[in-house]
Amino acid sequence: MSRPPHSLIRLPLLACLAALSVTATGNTTDKLVNGTYTCYSGSNYLFMDIRIDGAEAYQDGKGSKGKYQLDSKTQEIRFLSGPYKEAKGKLLPGPRIGMNMTGGSFYSVTCSPKK
């Protein structure tokens, strides 16, 4: 049995990436919008929310405020102050906010816009 040409394999993959709003660099084209994001680890709600209040301000579910910076090139979120200062963040497709405490590229916590 012959294998399909690479172009036939690539097309579904490209369609999936387009549907996820992901660029060739792996970054999302989604925007971080104002509002409350509910946070989960797997399918477990963490009773932890983050509210984006503008281009550089956020607060946790208890109202503790902080500042963040979003790198438009890498989509990394640096929490400059506040309750999530020790966390590493990244804007993920959805848009969602990925967070971890290890500094790695696996985001064990993901926060999605509250519905």
C-alpha atoms as a PDB file:
ATOM      1  CA  MET A   1       0.000   0.000   0.000  1.00  0.00           C
ATOM      2  CA  SER A   2       1.410   3.375  -0.975  1.00  0.00           C
ATOM      3  CA  ARG A   3       1.549   6.332   1.354  1.00  0.00           C
ATOM      4  CA  PRO A   4      -0.251   9.575   0.510  1.00  0.00           C
ATOM      5  CA  PRO A   5       1.885  12.516  -0.626  1.00  0.00           C
ATOM      6  CA  HIS A   6       3.092  14.783   2.179  1.00  0.00           C
ATOM      7  CA  SER A   7       0.880  17.591   0.917  1.00  0.00           C
ATOM      8  CA  LEU A   8      -2.207  15.495   1.655  1.00  0.00           C
ATOM      9  CA  ILE A   9      -1.057  15.004   5.232  1.00  0.00           C
ATOM     10  CA  ARG A  10      -0.036  18.624   5.672  1.00  0.00           C
ATOM     11  CA  LEU A  11      -3.375  20.126   4.589  1.00  0.00           C
ATOM     12  CA  PRO A  12      -5.441  18.700   7.490  1.00  0.00           C
ATOM     13  CA  LEU A  13      -2.709  19.719   9.934  1.00  0.00           C
ATOM     14  CA  LEU A  14      -2.671  23.282   8.584  1.00  0.00           C
ATOM     15  CA  ALA A  15      -6.458  23.423   8.791  1.00  0.00           C
ATOM     16  CA  CYS A  16      -6.294  22.321  12.443  1.00  0.00           C
ATOM     17  CA  LEU A  17      -3.683  24.959  13.247  1.00  0.00           C
ATOM     18  CA  ALA A  18      -5.745  27.644  11.545  1.00  0.00           C
ATOM     19  CA  ALA A  19      -8.787  26.605  13.550  1.00  0.00           C
ATOM     20  CA  LEU A  20      -6.749  26.954  16.745  1.00  0.00           C
ATOM     21  CA  SER A  21      -5.539  30.451  15.769  1.00  0.00           C
ATOM     22  CA  VAL A  22      -1.892  29.351  15.925  1.00  0.00           C
ATOM     23  CA  THR A  23       0.911  30.888  13.862  1.00  0.00           C
ATOM     24  CA  ALA A  24       3.902  29.073  12.367  1.00  0.00           C
ATOM     25  CA  THR A  25       5.884  30.019  15.499  1.00  0.00           C
ATOM     26  CA  GLY A  26       3.354  28.233  17.699  1.00  0.00           C
ATOM     27  CA  ASN A  27       1.938  31.499  19.045  1.00  0.00           C
ATOM     28  CA  THR A  28      -1.741  32.340  18.991  1.00  0.00           C
ATOM     29  CA  THR A  29      -3.286  35.161  17.002  1.00  0.00           C
ATOM     30  CA  ASP A  30      -5.954  35.518  19.716  1.00  0.00           C
ATOM     31  CA  LYS A  31      -5.948  38.641  21.866  1.00  0.00           C
ATOM     32  CA  LEU A  32      -5.939  38.824  25.648  1.00  0.00           C
ATOM     33  CA  VAL A  33      -9.247  40.542  26.318  1.00  0.00           C
ATOM     34  CA  ASN A  34     -10.528  42.174  29.490  1.00  0.00           C
ATOM     35  CA  GLY A  35     -12.649  40.017  31.733  1.00  0.00           C
ATOM     36  CA  THR A  36     -12.557  37.153  34.206  1.00  0.00           C
ATOM     37  CA  TYR A  37     -10.755  33.915  33.364  1.00  0.00           C
ATOM     38  CA  THR A  38     -11.540  30.776  35.391  1.00  0.00           C
ATOM     39  CA  CYS A  39      -8.574  28.516  36.077  1.00  0.00           C
ATOM     40  CA  TYR A  40      -8.363  24.739  35.834  1.00  0.00           C
ATOM     41  CA  SER A  41      -5.778  22.024  36.184  1.00  0.00           C
ATOM     42  CA  GLY A  42      -6.946  19.295  33.853  1.00  0.00           C
ATOM     43  CA  SER A  43     -10.704  19.252  34.373  1.00  0.00           C
ATOM     44  CA  ASN A  44     -10.506  20.404  38.001  1.00  0.00           C
ATOM     45  CA  TYR A  45     -11.587  23.957  38.822  1.00  0.00           C
ATOM     46  CA  LEU A  46      -8.957  25.466  41.115  1.00  0.00           C
ATOM     47  CA  PHE A  47     -11.192  28.093  42.766  1.00  0.00           C
ATOM     48  CA  MET A  48      -8.707  30.527  41.297  1.00  0.00           C
ATOM     49  CA  ASP A  49      -9.662  33.273  38.856  1.00  0.00           C
ATOM     50  CA  ILE A  50      -7.741  36.014  37.156  1.00  0.00           C
ATOM     51  CA  ARG A  51      -9.384  39.196  35.927  1.00  0.00           C
ATOM     52  CA  ILE A  52      -7.677  41.157  33.175  1.00  0.00           C
ATOM     53  CA  ASP A  53      -8.406  44.856  33.729  1.00  0.00           C
ATOM     54  CA  GLY A  54      -6.540  46.355  30.794  1.00  0.00           C
ATOM     55  CA  ALA A  55      -3.289  46.287  28.861  1.00  0.00           C
ATOM     56  CA  GLU A  56      -1.201  45.791  32.010  1.00  0.00           C
ATOM     57  CA  ALA A  57      -3.458  45.378  35.071  1.00  0.00           C
ATOM     58  CA  TYR A  58      -4.953  42.232  36.591  1.00  0.00           C
ATOM     59  CA  GLN A  59      -6.397  40.984  39.858  1.00  0.00           C
ATOM     60  CA  ASP A  60      -7.091  37.617  41.404  1.00  0.00           C
ATOM     61  CA  GLY A  61     -10.492  36.347  42.521  1.00  0.00           C
ATOM     62  CA  LYS A  62     -10.073  38.011  45.923  1.00  0.00           C
ATOM     63  CA  GLY A  63      -9.398  41.440  44.420  1.00  0.00           C
ATOM     64  CA  SER A  64      -5.623  41.549  45.001  1.00  0.00           C
ATOM     65  CA  LYS A  65      -4.190  43.659  42.183  1.00  0.00           C
ATOM     66  CA  GLY A  66      -1.046  43.351  40.135  1.00  0.00           C
ATOM     67  CA  LYS A  67       0.644  44.400  36.914  1.00  0.00           C
ATOM     68  CA  TYR A  68       1.544  42.191  33.962  1.00  0.00           C
ATOM     69  CA  GLN A  69       3.338  42.582  30.664  1.00  0.00           C
ATOM     70  CA  LEU A  70       2.429  40.653  27.501  1.00  0.00           C
ATOM     71  CA  ASP A  71       5.245  40.157  24.991  1.00  0.00           C
ATOM     72  CA  SER A  72       3.504  40.443  21.616  1.00  0.00           C
ATOM     73  CA  LYS A  73       6.242  38.440  19.883  1.00  0.00           C
ATOM     74  CA  THR A  74       6.528  35.421  22.209  1.00  0.00           C
ATOM     75  CA  GLN A  75       3.050  35.712  23.794  1.00  0.00           C
ATOM     76  CA  GLU A  76       4.691  35.272  27.213  1.00  0.00           C
ATOM     77  CA  ILE A  77       2.999  36.966  30.137  1.00  0.00           C
ATOM     78  CA  ARG A  78       5.260  38.333  32.879  1.00  0.00           C
ATOM     79  CA  PHE A  79       3.462  39.052  36.119  1.00  0.00           C
ATOM     80  CA  LEU A  80       5.440  42.047  37.351  1.00  0.00           C
ATOM     81  CA  SER A  81       3.644  42.372  40.703  1.00  0.00           C
ATOM     82  CA  GLY A  82       0.692  41.062  42.634  1.00  0.00           C
ATOM     83  CA  PRO A  83      -0.493  37.589  43.608  1.00  0.00           C
ATOM     84  CA  TYR A  84       0.834  35.814  40.481  1.00  0.00           C
ATOM     85  CA  LYS A  85       4.277  37.451  40.478  1.00  0.00           C
ATOM     86  CA  GLU A  86       6.032  34.080  40.902  1.00  0.00           C
ATOM     87  CA  ALA A  87       4.118  32.420  38.043  1.00  0.00           C
ATOM     88  CA  LYS A  88       5.143  32.170  34.394  1.00  0.00           C
ATOM     89  CA  GLY A  89       2.323  32.871  31.961  1.00  0.00           C
ATOM     90  CA  LYS A  90       1.604  32.520  28.271  1.00  0.00           C
ATOM     91  CA  LEU A  91      -1.276  33.523  26.034  1.00  0.00           C
ATOM     92  CA  LEU A  92      -2.667  30.311  24.536  1.00  0.00           C
ATOM     93  CA  PRO A  93      -5.261  29.763  21.791  1.00  0.00           C
ATOM     94  CA  GLY A  94      -8.841  30.258  22.890  1.00  0.00           C
ATOM     95  CA  PRO A  95      -7.790  32.794  24.175  1.00  0.00           C
ATOM     96  CA  ARG A  96      -6.606  31.154  27.378  1.00  0.00           C
ATOM     97  CA  ILE A  97      -3.924  32.018  29.900  1.00  0.00           C
ATOM     98  CA  GLY A  98      -1.449  29.239  30.658  1.00  0.00           C
ATOM     99  CA  MET A  99       0.416  29.400  33.970  1.00  0.00           C
ATOM    100  CA  ASN A 100       3.073  27.380  35.752  1.00  0.00           C
ATOM    101  CA  MET A 101       5.481  27.794  38.637  1.00  0.00           C
ATOM    102  CA  THR A 102       8.411  25.925  37.067  1.00  0.00           C
ATOM    103  CA  GLY A 103       9.339  28.331  34.291  1.00  0.00           C
ATOM    104  CA  GLY A 104       8.972  25.552  31.712  1.00  0.00           C
ATOM    105  CA  SER A 105       6.827  25.344  28.605  1.00  0.00           C
ATOM    106  CA  PHE A 106       4.153  23.032  30.068  1.00  0.00           C
ATOM    107  CA  TYR A 107       1.269  25.006  31.557  1.00  0.00           C
ATOM    108  CA  SER A 108      -0.405  22.897  34.243  1.00  0.00           C
ATOM    109  CA  VAL A 109      -2.948  25.640  34.896  1.00  0.00           C
ATOM    110  CA  THR A 110      -5.076  27.079  32.121  1.00  0.00           C
ATOM    111  CA  CYS A 111      -7.543  29.902  32.563  1.00  0.00           C
ATOM    112  CA  SER A 112     -10.400  30.435  30.115  1.00  0.00           C
ATOM    113  CA  PRO A 113     -12.794  33.358  29.737  1.00  0.00           C
ATOM    114  CA  LYS A 114     -15.698  32.973  32.141  1.00  0.00           C
ATOM    115  CA  LYS A 115     -18.935  32.106  30.376  1.00  0.00           C
END
